[in-house]
Amino acid sequence: MEILGSQYSERIDELCAHLKRLSGTDVAFDDRIETDEIFGTPAGLYRSDERHPRISLPTGAPEQIVAHELLHGILCFHGYPGFSVAMRQRWPYPTDVAREICHCAVHIIIDKLLGQIRYDVVGTKTQNAAERLENLRSIVPTLDNVSSKHWWSIRVACEITYHRAQPSLNESVARDFATESAGLLPISVELASELHRHCTAMNSQDRASVKVAIRNMLRTVEGVFGQHPHCQDLCKKVVITPVYVNKIQLCSRAEKLLHFEEARGQDRQDRRDKPFLIIGHRQTGETLTVTDYLSAGELREERINLKTYLRKPLRAMLDHCRIKYFQTDSRRSQNLGPLLPEGLCSS
């Protein structure tokens, strides 16, 4: 199979065909790669709206990278969790933290799948660990404020957690990464032990279990750094998508499952304290969506509007608020089949 001028094996062809079956459309590829401020240019990036998978790759990307991004898409269409933050420009910190936590959990699953279809996960991750450790040695001494040190501690804790969750990864690499990180950012190792506990409890074959693990990891981060402004209300500001519902819930009144509450935060644009509304899940306590900052008049209007929709069927409320949901008992979800194409693991 040819992608962006490079030839790849039948395994990539099968993964593409599998993702096409799930999404109903062809997978689009482009070479639009953004620069990662932390570790340089990313090897690949999966992008998608509701139904159209798109993957960005550097020219001549190694086959394992292509497979990795295709598996991101396959997990997405199987209802595995992702994340979003309603006010990305005003809450950059929650966006970054949510990305790291979600990537940590999901990449553990992807590496298991890559190993099942005979890619060299051990060799690749060993090389990546060494490169990232070298980057840390040069970056950590330049950190000159509490916020950046906390952010890097979270990022390193996710790296340590990720390495520890790889039973096939060279143990000395994982140990060296944790040992040197303890000298550079001591709190990262303590945080990693808690994150690892949640990942260990995660059932990678159960999308709901993965979502619970991610939410618990976010709570752990908030518990460690929550006294600092950039981590306050972290769990409320982060939306882990999708929400899992069944047909009966979709037809029931929204107020049976959802509630909304008012919160306040500092608007980064004018440094003023302003209100916003959070729509949450009554049973799990998770945030499903967050409004922008509101004026007094807008707040009254939005509260009235939401109360109206809370009396309607849940489906109408979810659609009105553009909340991504996954119907667990729909015919489509019941017919998704295995994560990997039949025969790919054994061929």
Protein backbone atom coordinates (compact mmCIF):
# COMPACT_ATOMS: atom_id res chain seq x y z
CA MET A 1 0.00 0.00 0.00
CA GLU A 2 1.27 3.49 -0.86
CA ILE A 3 0.82 6.43 1.54
CA LEU A 4 2.28 9.88 0.80
CA GLY A 5 4.71 8.37 -1.70
CA SER A 6 5.97 5.54 0.56
CA GLN A 7 5.19 1.84 0.31
CA TYR A 8 3.90 -0.15 3.29
CA SER A 9 3.08 -3.78 3.97
CA GLU A 10 -0.25 -5.59 3.88
CA ARG A 11 -0.62 -5.04 7.62
CA ILE A 12 -1.15 -1.32 6.99
CA ASP A 13 -3.57 -2.11 4.17
CA GLU A 14 -5.59 -4.32 6.54
CA LEU A 15 -5.62 -1.71 9.31
CA CYS A 16 -6.77 0.97 6.85
CA ALA A 17 -9.55 -1.28 5.58
CA HIS A 18 -10.60 -2.04 9.17
CA LEU A 19 -10.76 1.65 10.09
CA LYS A 20 -12.75 2.33 6.90
CA ARG A 21 -15.29 -0.33 7.93
CA LEU A 22 -15.67 1.31 11.32
CA SER A 23 -15.94 4.91 10.09
CA GLY A 24 -17.68 4.34 6.78
CA THR A 25 -15.16 6.55 4.95
CA ASP A 26 -11.64 6.29 3.58
CA VAL A 27 -8.76 7.29 5.84
CA ALA A 28 -7.22 10.59 4.69
CA PHE A 29 -3.46 11.15 5.02
CA ASP A 30 -1.50 14.40 4.92
CA ASP A 31 1.96 15.68 5.88
CA ARG A 32 0.71 18.59 8.05
CA ILE A 33 2.86 18.04 11.14
CA GLU A 34 2.94 20.53 14.03
CA THR A 35 6.02 21.07 16.16
CA ASP A 36 5.86 19.68 19.69
CA GLU A 37 7.36 22.20 22.11
CA ILE A 38 8.46 19.43 24.45
CA PHE A 39 10.16 16.73 22.42
CA GLY A 40 10.41 18.21 18.93
CA THR A 41 8.34 17.22 15.92
CA PRO A 42 5.85 14.39 16.66
CA ALA A 43 6.17 11.22 14.64
CA GLY A 44 2.51 11.26 13.64
CA LEU A 45 -0.86 12.66 14.62
CA TYR A 46 -4.38 11.24 14.45
CA ARG A 47 -7.06 13.84 13.74
CA SER A 48 -10.76 13.16 13.40
CA ASP A 49 -14.16 14.73 13.50
CA GLU A 50 -17.23 12.61 14.16
CA ARG A 51 -16.96 10.41 11.06
CA HIS A 52 -13.85 11.30 9.04
CA PRO A 53 -10.49 9.89 10.20
CA ARG A 54 -7.42 11.85 9.14
CA ILE A 55 -3.77 11.09 9.90
CA SER A 56 -0.81 13.44 9.59
CA LEU A 57 2.58 11.83 8.98
CA PRO A 58 6.10 13.02 8.22
CA THR A 59 7.40 12.04 4.79
CA GLY A 60 8.66 8.47 4.79
CA ALA A 61 7.31 7.68 8.26
CA PRO A 62 8.29 4.22 9.59
CA GLU A 63 5.57 1.63 9.23
CA GLN A 64 5.12 1.22 12.99
CA ILE A 65 4.26 4.93 13.26
CA VAL A 66 1.59 4.55 10.58
CA ALA A 67 0.16 1.52 12.38
CA HIS A 68 0.21 3.43 15.68
CA GLU A 69 -1.90 6.28 14.27
CA LEU A 70 -4.33 3.89 12.59
CA LEU A 71 -4.86 2.18 15.94
CA HIS A 72 -5.70 5.57 17.46
CA GLY A 73 -8.51 5.80 14.92
CA ILE A 74 -9.70 2.24 15.52
CA LEU A 75 -9.89 2.87 19.28
CA CYS A 76 -11.75 6.13 18.66
CA PHE A 77 -14.48 4.44 16.62
CA HIS A 78 -14.76 1.67 19.22
CA GLY A 79 -15.74 4.34 21.73
CA TYR A 80 -12.47 4.53 23.66
CA PRO A 81 -12.01 7.82 25.52
CA GLY A 82 -10.40 10.99 24.27
CA PHE A 83 -10.49 14.45 25.80
CA SER A 84 -11.45 18.05 25.20
CA VAL A 85 -11.37 21.31 27.12
CA ALA A 86 -14.14 23.80 26.40
CA MET A 87 -11.94 26.90 26.74
CA ARG A 88 -8.57 25.84 25.38
CA GLN A 89 -7.18 29.34 24.99
CA ARG A 90 -8.15 30.35 28.51
CA TRP A 91 -7.31 27.06 30.20
CA PRO A 92 -4.13 25.86 28.48
CA TYR A 93 -2.90 24.01 31.56
CA PRO A 94 -5.89 21.62 31.87
CA THR A 95 -5.61 20.97 28.13
CA ASP A 96 -1.97 19.91 28.46
CA VAL A 97 -2.56 17.78 31.55
CA ALA A 98 -5.58 16.02 30.01
CA ARG A 99 -3.60 15.28 26.86
CA GLU A 100 -0.74 13.71 28.80
CA ILE A 101 -3.01 11.60 31.01
CA CYS A 102 -5.13 10.35 28.08
CA HIS A 103 -2.08 9.64 25.94
CA CYS A 104 -0.45 7.72 28.77
CA ALA A 105 -3.44 5.40 29.19
CA VAL A 106 -4.28 4.99 25.50
CA HIS A 107 -0.66 4.47 24.38
CA ILE A 108 -0.35 1.57 26.80
CA ILE A 109 -3.25 -0.08 24.96
CA ILE A 110 -1.86 0.77 21.52
CA ASP A 111 1.52 -0.76 22.34
CA LYS A 112 -0.18 -3.99 23.40
CA LEU A 113 -2.00 -4.08 20.07
CA LEU A 114 1.19 -3.29 18.12
CA GLY A 115 2.90 -6.19 19.86
CA GLN A 116 0.06 -8.51 18.87
CA ILE A 117 0.63 -7.71 15.20
CA ARG A 118 4.38 -8.25 15.47
CA TYR A 119 5.83 -4.72 15.57
CA ASP A 120 9.04 -4.06 17.53
CA VAL A 121 7.53 -2.15 20.43
CA VAL A 122 10.45 -2.93 22.75
CA GLY A 123 13.14 -1.55 20.45
CA THR A 124 11.21 1.60 19.59
CA LYS A 125 10.25 2.45 23.16
CA THR A 126 13.76 1.78 24.46
CA GLN A 127 15.14 4.25 21.94
CA ASN A 128 12.43 6.82 22.75
CA ALA A 129 13.09 6.55 26.48
CA ALA A 130 16.79 7.23 26.01
CA GLU A 131 16.11 10.24 23.78
CA ARG A 132 13.56 11.74 26.16
CA LEU A 133 15.82 11.27 29.15
CA GLU A 134 18.56 13.17 27.30
CA ASN A 135 16.10 15.99 26.59
CA LEU A 136 15.11 16.14 30.26
CA ARG A 137 18.71 16.64 31.35
CA SER A 138 18.91 19.81 29.27
CA ILE A 139 15.39 21.15 29.88
CA VAL A 140 14.90 20.76 33.65
CA PRO A 141 17.72 23.18 34.65
CA THR A 142 15.99 25.93 32.62
CA LEU A 143 12.67 25.70 34.52
CA ASP A 144 12.37 28.93 36.49
CA ASN A 145 8.80 28.98 37.90
CA VAL A 146 6.46 26.76 39.89
CA SER A 147 3.96 26.27 37.07
CA SER A 148 6.55 24.95 34.59
CA LYS A 149 8.08 22.65 37.22
CA HIS A 150 4.66 21.22 38.04
CA TRP A 151 3.86 20.72 34.36
CA TRP A 152 7.12 18.91 33.75
CA SER A 153 6.63 16.78 36.85
CA ILE A 154 3.27 15.66 35.47
CA ARG A 155 4.73 14.98 32.04
CA VAL A 156 7.63 12.97 33.48
CA ALA A 157 5.28 11.08 35.83
CA CYS A 158 3.25 10.01 32.79
CA GLU A 159 6.46 8.86 31.06
CA ILE A 160 7.48 6.79 34.08
CA THR A 161 3.98 5.31 34.32
CA TYR A 162 4.02 4.45 30.63
CA HIS A 163 7.38 2.69 30.87
CA ARG A 164 6.39 0.74 33.98
CA ALA A 165 3.24 -0.48 32.25
CA GLN A 166 5.28 -2.13 29.48
CA PRO A 167 6.17 -5.60 30.78
CA SER A 168 8.26 -6.29 27.68
CA LEU A 169 10.23 -3.04 27.87
CA ASN A 170 13.83 -3.41 28.98
CA GLU A 171 13.55 -3.15 32.78
CA SER A 172 16.83 -1.30 33.10
CA VAL A 173 15.54 1.45 30.78
CA ALA A 174 12.40 1.98 32.87
CA ARG A 175 14.43 1.88 36.09
CA ASP A 176 17.05 4.33 34.80
CA PHE A 177 14.37 6.72 33.58
CA ALA A 178 12.65 6.72 36.99
CA THR A 179 15.93 6.96 38.94
CA GLU A 180 17.26 9.93 37.00
CA SER A 181 13.85 11.62 36.98
CA ALA A 182 13.82 11.40 40.78
CA GLY A 183 16.96 13.50 40.84
CA LEU A 184 15.62 16.02 38.33
CA LEU A 185 11.99 16.31 39.48
CA PRO A 186 11.51 14.36 42.74
CA ILE A 187 7.74 14.69 42.95
CA SER A 188 7.33 13.05 39.52
CA VAL A 189 8.28 9.63 40.90
CA GLU A 190 5.83 9.90 43.79
CA LEU A 191 3.08 10.96 41.39
CA ALA A 192 3.97 8.16 38.96
CA SER A 193 3.46 5.49 41.62
CA GLU A 194 -0.15 6.67 42.06
CA LEU A 195 -0.78 6.94 38.32
CA HIS A 196 0.65 3.46 37.82
CA ARG A 197 -1.80 2.07 40.38
CA HIS A 198 -4.73 3.37 38.32
CA CYS A 199 -3.26 2.01 35.08
CA THR A 200 -2.75 -1.40 36.68
CA ALA A 201 -6.44 -1.48 37.64
CA MET A 202 -7.44 -0.58 34.07
CA ASN A 203 -8.93 -3.28 31.85
CA SER A 204 -7.62 -2.34 28.40
CA GLN A 205 -10.39 -4.36 26.71
CA ASP A 206 -13.11 -2.35 28.43
CA ARG A 207 -13.48 1.23 27.19
CA ALA A 208 -15.44 2.24 30.31
CA SER A 209 -12.65 0.92 32.54
CA VAL A 210 -10.11 3.00 30.60
CA LYS A 211 -12.25 6.10 31.06
CA VAL A 212 -12.49 5.49 34.82
CA ALA A 213 -8.70 5.10 35.00
CA ILE A 214 -8.16 8.41 33.18
CA ARG A 215 -10.57 10.23 35.49
CA ASN A 216 -8.86 8.73 38.54
CA MET A 217 -5.46 9.80 37.19
CA LEU A 218 -6.73 13.36 36.75
CA ARG A 219 -8.07 13.34 40.31
CA THR A 220 -4.65 12.21 41.51
CA VAL A 221 -2.94 15.11 39.72
CA GLU A 222 -5.46 17.55 41.16
CA GLY A 223 -4.88 16.09 44.63
CA VAL A 224 -1.12 16.65 44.36
CA PHE A 225 -1.16 20.11 42.74
CA GLY A 226 -4.69 21.36 43.43
CA GLN A 227 -3.57 24.04 45.87
CA HIS A 228 -2.01 25.95 42.98
CA PRO A 229 -4.24 28.13 40.73
CA HIS A 230 -3.36 26.41 37.47
CA CYS A 231 -4.66 23.05 38.79
CA GLN A 232 -7.73 24.22 40.68
CA ASP A 233 -10.96 22.61 39.43
CA LEU A 234 -8.88 20.57 36.99
CA CYS A 235 -11.37 17.69 36.90
CA LYS A 236 -14.29 20.05 36.31
CA LYS A 237 -12.60 21.79 33.38
CA VAL A 238 -11.54 18.61 31.59
CA VAL A 239 -14.09 16.71 29.51
CA ILE A 240 -13.32 13.05 28.85
CA THR A 241 -15.32 11.99 25.80
CA PRO A 242 -17.54 10.22 24.94
CA VAL A 243 -20.32 9.79 27.50
CA TYR A 244 -21.64 6.21 27.50
CA VAL A 245 -25.43 5.89 27.28
CA ASN A 246 -28.03 3.32 26.26
CA LYS A 247 -31.30 3.62 24.34
CA ILE A 248 -33.46 3.91 27.45
CA GLN A 249 -31.32 6.74 28.83
CA LEU A 250 -31.38 8.60 25.50
CA CYS A 251 -35.19 8.59 25.55
CA SER A 252 -35.45 9.55 29.25
CA ARG A 253 -35.60 13.12 30.54
CA ALA A 254 -32.13 14.63 30.63
CA GLU A 255 -32.49 15.74 34.26
CA LYS A 256 -32.43 12.07 35.36
CA LEU A 257 -28.83 11.74 34.20
CA LEU A 258 -27.46 15.29 33.98
CA HIS A 259 -27.25 18.35 36.19
CA PHE A 260 -25.63 21.75 35.83
CA GLU A 261 -23.82 23.95 38.30
CA GLU A 262 -22.20 27.35 38.37
CA ALA A 263 -18.45 27.78 38.90
CA ARG A 264 -16.07 30.71 38.71
CA GLY A 265 -12.62 31.25 37.30
CA GLN A 266 -10.19 33.95 36.23
CA ASP A 267 -10.55 35.04 32.62
CA ARG A 268 -7.03 35.05 31.19
CA GLN A 269 -7.99 37.83 28.77
CA ASP A 270 -8.94 40.51 31.29
CA ARG A 271 -7.83 38.86 34.60
CA ARG A 272 -11.34 39.20 36.03
CA ASP A 273 -13.19 36.55 38.01
CA LYS A 274 -16.20 35.38 35.97
CA PRO A 275 -18.86 32.66 36.15
CA PHE A 276 -19.32 29.70 33.83
CA LEU A 277 -21.68 26.71 33.83
CA ILE A 278 -20.74 23.04 34.03
CA ILE A 279 -23.01 20.24 32.79
CA GLY A 280 -22.19 17.08 34.72
CA HIS A 281 -23.16 13.41 34.99
CA ARG A 282 -25.23 12.70 38.12
CA GLN A 283 -23.96 9.14 38.61
CA THR A 284 -20.25 9.46 37.83
CA GLY A 285 -19.68 13.12 38.66
CA GLU A 286 -17.78 13.66 35.42
CA THR A 287 -17.98 16.90 33.47
CA LEU A 288 -19.65 16.58 30.08
CA THR A 289 -19.32 20.12 28.79
CA VAL A 290 -18.44 23.60 30.00
CA THR A 291 -19.72 26.96 28.80
CA ASP A 292 -17.52 29.96 28.08
CA TYR A 293 -17.25 32.73 30.67
CA LEU A 294 -20.60 34.53 30.95
CA SER A 295 -21.84 37.98 31.82
CA ALA A 296 -24.64 38.30 34.40
CA GLY A 297 -27.26 38.52 31.65
CA GLU A 298 -25.81 35.63 29.69
CA LEU A 299 -25.66 33.53 32.84
CA ARG A 300 -29.39 34.04 33.55
CA GLU A 301 -30.29 33.27 29.93
CA GLU A 302 -28.15 30.14 29.79
CA ARG A 303 -29.54 28.80 33.06
CA ILE A 304 -33.10 29.22 31.76
CA ASN A 305 -32.13 27.57 28.45
CA LEU A 306 -30.48 24.59 30.16
CA LYS A 307 -33.45 24.08 32.49
CA THR A 308 -35.66 23.85 29.41
CA TYR A 309 -33.45 21.20 27.83
CA LEU A 310 -33.14 19.24 31.07
CA ARG A 311 -36.88 18.54 30.78
CA LYS A 312 -36.42 17.14 27.26
CA PRO A 313 -35.12 13.68 26.22
CA LEU A 314 -31.43 13.20 26.92
CA ARG A 315 -30.66 12.87 23.20
CA ALA A 316 -31.96 16.41 22.57
CA MET A 317 -29.84 17.78 25.42
CA LEU A 318 -26.67 16.03 24.22
CA ASP A 319 -27.21 17.22 20.66
CA HIS A 320 -27.99 20.79 21.77
CA CYS A 321 -24.79 20.98 23.84
CA ARG A 322 -22.76 19.08 21.20
CA ILE A 323 -21.75 16.47 23.75
CA LYS A 324 -20.14 13.46 22.10
CA TYR A 325 -21.81 10.23 23.19
CA PHE A 326 -21.48 6.52 22.43
CA GLN A 327 -24.63 4.38 22.51
CA THR A 328 -23.47 1.13 24.07
CA ASP A 329 -26.49 -0.93 23.02
CA SER A 330 -26.90 0.36 19.46
CA ARG A 331 -26.74 -2.07 16.56
CA ARG A 332 -23.61 -0.34 15.32
CA SER A 333 -21.76 -0.62 18.64
CA GLN A 334 -22.81 -4.25 19.04
CA ASN A 335 -21.43 -5.07 15.59
CA LEU A 336 -18.02 -3.40 15.94
CA GLY A 337 -16.24 -6.72 16.35
CA PRO A 338 -12.66 -7.10 17.65
CA LEU A 339 -10.22 -4.19 17.83
CA LEU A 340 -7.86 -5.82 15.33
CA PRO A 341 -8.83 -7.26 11.92
CA GLU A 342 -9.44 -11.00 11.98
CA GLY A 343 -6.37 -12.93 10.87
CA LEU A 344 -3.92 -10.01 11.27
CA CYS A 345 -2.51 -11.31 14.55
CA SER A 346 -1.86 -14.79 13.23
CA SER A 347 -0.88 -14.03 9.63
